[in-house]
Amino acid sequence: MTLSIIGISGGPEPGGRTSTAIAAVLAGTGAERTELLELSQVTTEEAVAAIAAADGVVFGSPVFRATYSAQLKDLLERTERGKWGEQTDPLRGTVAATVLTGASGHHFLAANDLRNVLASFFAVQVLSPGLYFDHAAYSSRTELTEANAALAAAHGAALADLAVAVGGSKALSTLTPQI
């Protein structure tokens, strides 16, 4: 199976800590095709099309006010689920990993909010646990410490394994949101 895994960075500006963390997860996937999309640089339509074409998605966001960014929330609100007359469901049959970043460890539980929306509202198979990196996880703005880079790579490898498992399961890949 040829894997395509994309990263979606919900930061308000490109190239920040969140993008660094997502890139580290993508590097660990071993997927034949990876791509990092910055929501500050692409349209919603481009992001949704990329999600629809991918086998897996790494959703990432900085934490603002104890939750993921408005940019990522907007993308998810504009992504159809195949319900109530919607014509598409780009996340159906998809797997995802989550990576949130923040200034301190105080906001790590925000990862649960994003996971719950993806798993419950979109019926995405979400890798657990999600990743949360505070500033101490970085040696510079664009580089994780060695231990955290290894952790991100391990999550990438696990996401690739999950994508293969879900893609090979008729039952898992056809689950849809219940409501």
C-alpha atoms as a PDB file:
ATOM      1  CA  MET A   1       0.000   0.000   0.000  1.00  0.00           C
ATOM      2  CA  THR A   2       1.358   3.405  -0.997  1.00  0.00           C
ATOM      3  CA  LEU A   3       0.763   5.844   1.866  1.00  0.00           C
ATOM      4  CA  SER A   4       0.006   9.525   1.582  1.00  0.00           C
ATOM      5  CA  ILE A   5      -0.005  11.415   4.867  1.00  0.00           C
ATOM      6  CA  ILE A   6      -0.421  15.160   5.167  1.00  0.00           C
ATOM      7  CA  GLY A   7       0.062  17.587   7.998  1.00  0.00           C
ATOM      8  CA  ILE A   8      -2.291  20.476   8.665  1.00  0.00           C
ATOM      9  CA  SER A   9      -0.834  23.277  10.760  1.00  0.00           C
ATOM     10  CA  GLY A  10      -3.422  25.543  12.343  1.00  0.00           C
ATOM     11  CA  GLY A  11      -0.981  28.217  13.438  1.00  0.00           C
ATOM     12  CA  PRO A  12      -1.637  31.845  12.490  1.00  0.00           C
ATOM     13  CA  GLU A  13       1.782  32.156  10.829  1.00  0.00           C
ATOM     14  CA  PRO A  14       3.901  29.652   8.905  1.00  0.00           C
ATOM     15  CA  GLY A  15       7.041  27.982  10.163  1.00  0.00           C
ATOM     16  CA  GLY A  16       6.399  28.016  13.896  1.00  0.00           C
ATOM     17  CA  ARG A  17       6.810  25.399  16.583  1.00  0.00           C
ATOM     18  CA  THR A  18       3.629  23.602  15.559  1.00  0.00           C
ATOM     19  CA  SER A  19       4.866  23.163  11.986  1.00  0.00           C
ATOM     20  CA  THR A  20       8.204  21.903  13.332  1.00  0.00           C
ATOM     21  CA  ALA A  21       6.412  19.262  15.422  1.00  0.00           C
ATOM     22  CA  ILE A  22       4.126  18.180  12.578  1.00  0.00           C
ATOM     23  CA  ALA A  23       7.104  17.859  10.222  1.00  0.00           C
ATOM     24  CA  ALA A  24       8.818  15.594  12.762  1.00  0.00           C
ATOM     25  CA  VAL A  25       5.746  13.336  12.906  1.00  0.00           C
ATOM     26  CA  LEU A  26       5.527  13.257   9.102  1.00  0.00           C
ATOM     27  CA  ALA A  27       9.215  12.327   8.872  1.00  0.00           C
ATOM     28  CA  GLY A  28       8.566   9.316  11.100  1.00  0.00           C
ATOM     29  CA  THR A  29       5.740   7.935   8.954  1.00  0.00           C
ATOM     30  CA  GLY A  30       7.944   6.539   6.201  1.00  0.00           C
ATOM     31  CA  ALA A  31       5.065   7.398   3.841  1.00  0.00           C
ATOM     32  CA  GLU A  32       5.772   7.645   0.142  1.00  0.00           C
ATOM     33  CA  ARG A  33       4.112  11.039   0.052  1.00  0.00           C
ATOM     34  CA  THR A  34       3.978  13.614   2.824  1.00  0.00           C
ATOM     35  CA  GLU A  35       3.060  17.254   2.682  1.00  0.00           C
ATOM     36  CA  LEU A  36       2.744  19.980   5.303  1.00  0.00           C
ATOM     37  CA  LEU A  37      -0.022  22.523   4.724  1.00  0.00           C
ATOM     38  CA  GLU A  38      -0.105  25.752   6.698  1.00  0.00           C
ATOM     39  CA  LEU A  39      -3.695  26.997   7.073  1.00  0.00           C
ATOM     40  CA  SER A  40      -2.328  30.536   7.010  1.00  0.00           C
ATOM     41  CA  GLN A  41      -1.046  29.866   3.472  1.00  0.00           C
ATOM     42  CA  VAL A  42      -3.759  27.733   1.782  1.00  0.00           C
ATOM     43  CA  THR A  43      -7.484  28.031   1.200  1.00  0.00           C
ATOM     44  CA  THR A  44     -10.007  25.885   2.997  1.00  0.00           C
ATOM     45  CA  GLU A  45     -10.836  24.232  -0.324  1.00  0.00           C
ATOM     46  CA  GLU A  46      -7.179  23.305  -0.885  1.00  0.00           C
ATOM     47  CA  ALA A  47      -6.896  21.868   2.622  1.00  0.00           C
ATOM     48  CA  VAL A  48     -10.103  19.826   2.289  1.00  0.00           C
ATOM     49  CA  ALA A  49      -8.986  18.473  -1.108  1.00  0.00           C
ATOM     50  CA  ALA A  50      -5.649  17.429   0.386  1.00  0.00           C
ATOM     51  CA  ILE A  51      -7.415  15.697   3.281  1.00  0.00           C
ATOM     52  CA  ALA A  52      -9.690  13.826   0.854  1.00  0.00           C
ATOM     53  CA  ALA A  53      -6.679  12.560  -1.118  1.00  0.00           C
ATOM     54  CA  ALA A  54      -4.670  11.438   1.931  1.00  0.00           C
ATOM     55  CA  ASP A  55      -4.610   8.168   3.862  1.00  0.00           C
ATOM     56  CA  GLY A  56      -3.847   9.994   7.076  1.00  0.00           C
ATOM     57  CA  VAL A  57      -3.645  13.470   8.535  1.00  0.00           C
ATOM     58  CA  VAL A  58      -1.548  15.006  11.279  1.00  0.00           C
ATOM     59  CA  PHE A  59      -3.619  17.847  12.710  1.00  0.00           C
ATOM     60  CA  GLY A  60      -1.592  20.395  14.637  1.00  0.00           C
ATOM     61  CA  SER A  61      -2.269  23.650  16.382  1.00  0.00           C
ATOM     62  CA  PRO A  62      -0.860  25.991  18.954  1.00  0.00           C
ATOM     63  CA  VAL A  63      -3.068  26.254  22.030  1.00  0.00           C
ATOM     64  CA  PHE A  64      -4.814  29.588  22.481  1.00  0.00           C
ATOM     65  CA  ARG A  65      -7.172  30.185  25.393  1.00  0.00           C
ATOM     66  CA  ALA A  66      -7.028  26.491  26.365  1.00  0.00           C
ATOM     67  CA  THR A  67      -8.080  25.132  22.955  1.00  0.00           C
ATOM     68  CA  TYR A  68      -6.881  24.669  19.395  1.00  0.00           C
ATOM     69  CA  SER A  69      -6.696  27.617  17.020  1.00  0.00           C
ATOM     70  CA  ALA A  70      -9.522  29.445  15.296  1.00  0.00           C
ATOM     71  CA  GLN A  71      -7.907  28.561  11.936  1.00  0.00           C
ATOM     72  CA  LEU A  72      -8.181  24.828  12.637  1.00  0.00           C
ATOM     73  CA  LYS A  73     -11.665  25.199  14.086  1.00  0.00           C
ATOM     74  CA  ASP A  74     -12.741  27.038  10.926  1.00  0.00           C
ATOM     75  CA  LEU A  75     -11.343  24.259   8.717  1.00  0.00           C
ATOM     76  CA  LEU A  76     -13.189  21.589  10.683  1.00  0.00           C
ATOM     77  CA  GLU A  77     -16.421  23.578  10.638  1.00  0.00           C
ATOM     78  CA  ARG A  78     -16.188  23.839   6.841  1.00  0.00           C
ATOM     79  CA  THR A  79     -15.349  20.164   6.318  1.00  0.00           C
ATOM     80  CA  GLU A  80     -18.414  18.146   5.334  1.00  0.00           C
ATOM     81  CA  ARG A  81     -19.253  14.833   7.028  1.00  0.00           C
ATOM     82  CA  GLY A  82     -21.664  13.344   4.501  1.00  0.00           C
ATOM     83  CA  LYS A  83     -24.650  14.110   6.725  1.00  0.00           C
ATOM     84  CA  TRP A  84     -27.806  16.206   6.284  1.00  0.00           C
ATOM     85  CA  GLY A  85     -27.494  16.551   2.541  1.00  0.00           C
ATOM     86  CA  GLU A  86     -23.742  17.190   2.453  1.00  0.00           C
ATOM     87  CA  GLN A  87     -22.191  15.818  -0.712  1.00  0.00           C
ATOM     88  CA  THR A  88     -18.713  14.886   0.594  1.00  0.00           C
ATOM     89  CA  ASP A  89     -17.089  13.283   3.616  1.00  0.00           C
ATOM     90  CA  PRO A  90     -13.328  13.688   3.145  1.00  0.00           C
ATOM     91  CA  LEU A  91     -12.428  12.438   6.617  1.00  0.00           C
ATOM     92  CA  ARG A  92     -14.387   9.163   6.355  1.00  0.00           C
ATOM     93  CA  GLY A  93     -12.030   6.206   6.520  1.00  0.00           C
ATOM     94  CA  THR A  94      -9.127   8.458   7.487  1.00  0.00           C
ATOM     95  CA  VAL A  95      -6.739   8.142  10.395  1.00  0.00           C
ATOM     96  CA  ALA A  96      -5.281  11.085  12.256  1.00  0.00           C
ATOM     97  CA  ALA A  97      -2.722  12.084  14.820  1.00  0.00           C
ATOM     98  CA  THR A  98      -2.884  15.276  16.847  1.00  0.00           C
ATOM     99  CA  VAL A  99      -0.029  17.585  17.833  1.00  0.00           C
ATOM    100  CA  LEU A 100      -0.677  20.607  20.002  1.00  0.00           C
ATOM    101  CA  THR A 101       1.911  23.105  21.150  1.00  0.00           C
ATOM    102  CA  GLY A 102       1.973  25.700  23.887  1.00  0.00           C
ATOM    103  CA  ALA A 103       4.149  27.862  26.066  1.00  0.00           C
ATOM    104  CA  SER A 104       3.835  25.585  29.102  1.00  0.00           C
ATOM    105  CA  GLY A 105       2.458  22.197  30.076  1.00  0.00           C
ATOM    106  CA  HIS A 106      -0.651  23.737  31.609  1.00  0.00           C
ATOM    107  CA  HIS A 107      -2.713  23.332  28.441  1.00  0.00           C
ATOM    108  CA  PHE A 108      -1.937  19.744  27.482  1.00  0.00           C
ATOM    109  CA  LEU A 109      -5.533  18.640  28.017  1.00  0.00           C
ATOM    110  CA  ALA A 110      -6.574  20.766  25.033  1.00  0.00           C
ATOM    111  CA  ALA A 111      -5.477  17.789  22.940  1.00  0.00           C
ATOM    112  CA  ASN A 112      -8.557  15.939  24.186  1.00  0.00           C
ATOM    113  CA  ASP A 113     -10.891  18.541  22.666  1.00  0.00           C
ATOM    114  CA  LEU A 114      -9.412  18.116  19.204  1.00  0.00           C
ATOM    115  CA  ARG A 115      -9.338  14.326  19.528  1.00  0.00           C
ATOM    116  CA  ASN A 116     -12.996  14.236  20.566  1.00  0.00           C
ATOM    117  CA  VAL A 117     -14.128  16.372  17.624  1.00  0.00           C
ATOM    118  CA  LEU A 118     -12.219  14.204  15.145  1.00  0.00           C
ATOM    119  CA  ALA A 119     -13.287  10.867  16.651  1.00  0.00           C
ATOM    120  CA  SER A 120     -16.873  11.636  17.615  1.00  0.00           C
ATOM    121  CA  PHE A 121     -18.037  14.219  15.091  1.00  0.00           C
ATOM    122  CA  PHE A 122     -16.117  12.948  12.036  1.00  0.00           C
ATOM    123  CA  ALA A 123     -15.660   9.224  12.957  1.00  0.00           C
ATOM    124  CA  VAL A 124     -11.912   9.497  12.353  1.00  0.00           C
ATOM    125  CA  GLN A 125      -9.677   6.816  13.843  1.00  0.00           C
ATOM    126  CA  VAL A 126      -7.388   8.961  16.027  1.00  0.00           C
ATOM    127  CA  LEU A 127      -4.028   7.773  17.285  1.00  0.00           C
ATOM    128  CA  SER A 128      -3.812   7.911  21.074  1.00  0.00           C
ATOM    129  CA  PRO A 129      -2.287   9.520  22.962  1.00  0.00           C
ATOM    130  CA  GLY A 130      -1.996  12.832  21.186  1.00  0.00           C
ATOM    131  CA  LEU A 131       1.219  14.810  21.373  1.00  0.00           C
ATOM    132  CA  TYR A 132       1.642  18.046  23.286  1.00  0.00           C
ATOM    133  CA  PHE A 133       4.924  19.939  23.129  1.00  0.00           C
ATOM    134  CA  ASP A 134       5.632  22.970  25.276  1.00  0.00           C
ATOM    135  CA  HIS A 135       8.576  25.298  24.714  1.00  0.00           C
ATOM    136  CA  ALA A 136      10.904  23.020  26.712  1.00  0.00           C
ATOM    137  CA  ALA A 137      10.497  20.367  23.977  1.00  0.00           C
ATOM    138  CA  TYR A 138      12.452  22.525  21.518  1.00  0.00           C
ATOM    139  CA  SER A 139      16.148  23.287  21.246  1.00  0.00           C
ATOM    140  CA  SER A 140      15.209  26.196  18.955  1.00  0.00           C
ATOM    141  CA  ARG A 141      11.995  27.475  17.368  1.00  0.00           C
ATOM    142  CA  THR A 142      12.518  25.145  14.413  1.00  0.00           C
ATOM    143  CA  GLU A 143      14.056  22.088  16.091  1.00  0.00           C
ATOM    144  CA  LEU A 144      12.767  19.618  18.667  1.00  0.00           C
ATOM    145  CA  THR A 145      15.139  18.210  21.243  1.00  0.00           C
ATOM    146  CA  GLU A 146      16.517  14.799  20.337  1.00  0.00           C
ATOM    147  CA  ALA A 147      14.174  12.964  22.732  1.00  0.00           C
ATOM    148  CA  ASN A 148      11.094  14.817  21.480  1.00  0.00           C
ATOM    149  CA  ALA A 149      12.062  14.341  17.832  1.00  0.00           C
ATOM    150  CA  ALA A 150      12.261  10.595  18.556  1.00  0.00           C
ATOM    151  CA  LEU A 151       8.838  10.728  20.234  1.00  0.00           C
ATOM    152  CA  ALA A 152       7.359  12.529  17.219  1.00  0.00           C
ATOM    153  CA  ALA A 153       8.924   9.977  14.853  1.00  0.00           C
ATOM    154  CA  ALA A 154       7.460   7.121  16.924  1.00  0.00           C
ATOM    155  CA  HIS A 155       4.023   8.696  16.606  1.00  0.00           C
ATOM    156  CA  GLY A 156       4.548   9.019  12.865  1.00  0.00           C
ATOM    157  CA  ALA A 157       5.418   5.330  12.573  1.00  0.00           C
ATOM    158  CA  ALA A 158       2.365   4.411  14.651  1.00  0.00           C
ATOM    159  CA  LEU A 159       0.138   6.604  12.460  1.00  0.00           C
ATOM    160  CA  ALA A 160       1.438   4.844   9.343  1.00  0.00           C
ATOM    161  CA  ASP A 161       0.695   1.451  10.934  1.00  0.00           C
ATOM    162  CA  LEU A 162      -2.789   2.635  11.885  1.00  0.00           C
ATOM    163  CA  ALA A 163      -3.408   3.869   8.321  1.00  0.00           C
ATOM    164  CA  VAL A 164      -2.484   0.456   6.932  1.00  0.00           C
ATOM    165  CA  ALA A 165      -4.691  -1.329   9.477  1.00  0.00           C
ATOM    166  CA  VAL A 166      -7.725   0.900   8.898  1.00  0.00           C
ATOM    167  CA  GLY A 167      -7.219   0.857   5.116  1.00  0.00           C
ATOM    168  CA  GLY A 168      -7.176  -2.938   5.202  1.00  0.00           C
ATOM    169  CA  SER A 169     -10.338  -3.214   7.287  1.00  0.00           C
ATOM    170  CA  LYS A 170     -13.653  -2.879   5.508  1.00  0.00           C
ATOM    171  CA  ALA A 171     -15.417  -2.389   8.834  1.00  0.00           C
ATOM    172  CA  LEU A 172     -13.122   0.364  10.153  1.00  0.00           C
ATOM    173  CA  SER A 173     -12.794   2.272   6.907  1.00  0.00           C
ATOM    174  CA  THR A 174     -16.563   2.529   6.366  1.00  0.00           C
ATOM    175  CA  LEU A 175     -17.582   3.855   9.793  1.00  0.00           C
ATOM    176  CA  THR A 176     -19.459   7.142   9.578  1.00  0.00           C
ATOM    177  CA  PRO A 177     -20.615   9.704  12.171  1.00  0.00           C
ATOM    178  CA  GLN A 178     -23.747   8.457  13.939  1.00  0.00           C
ATOM    179  CA  ILE A 179     -25.572  11.773  14.090  1.00  0.00           C
END
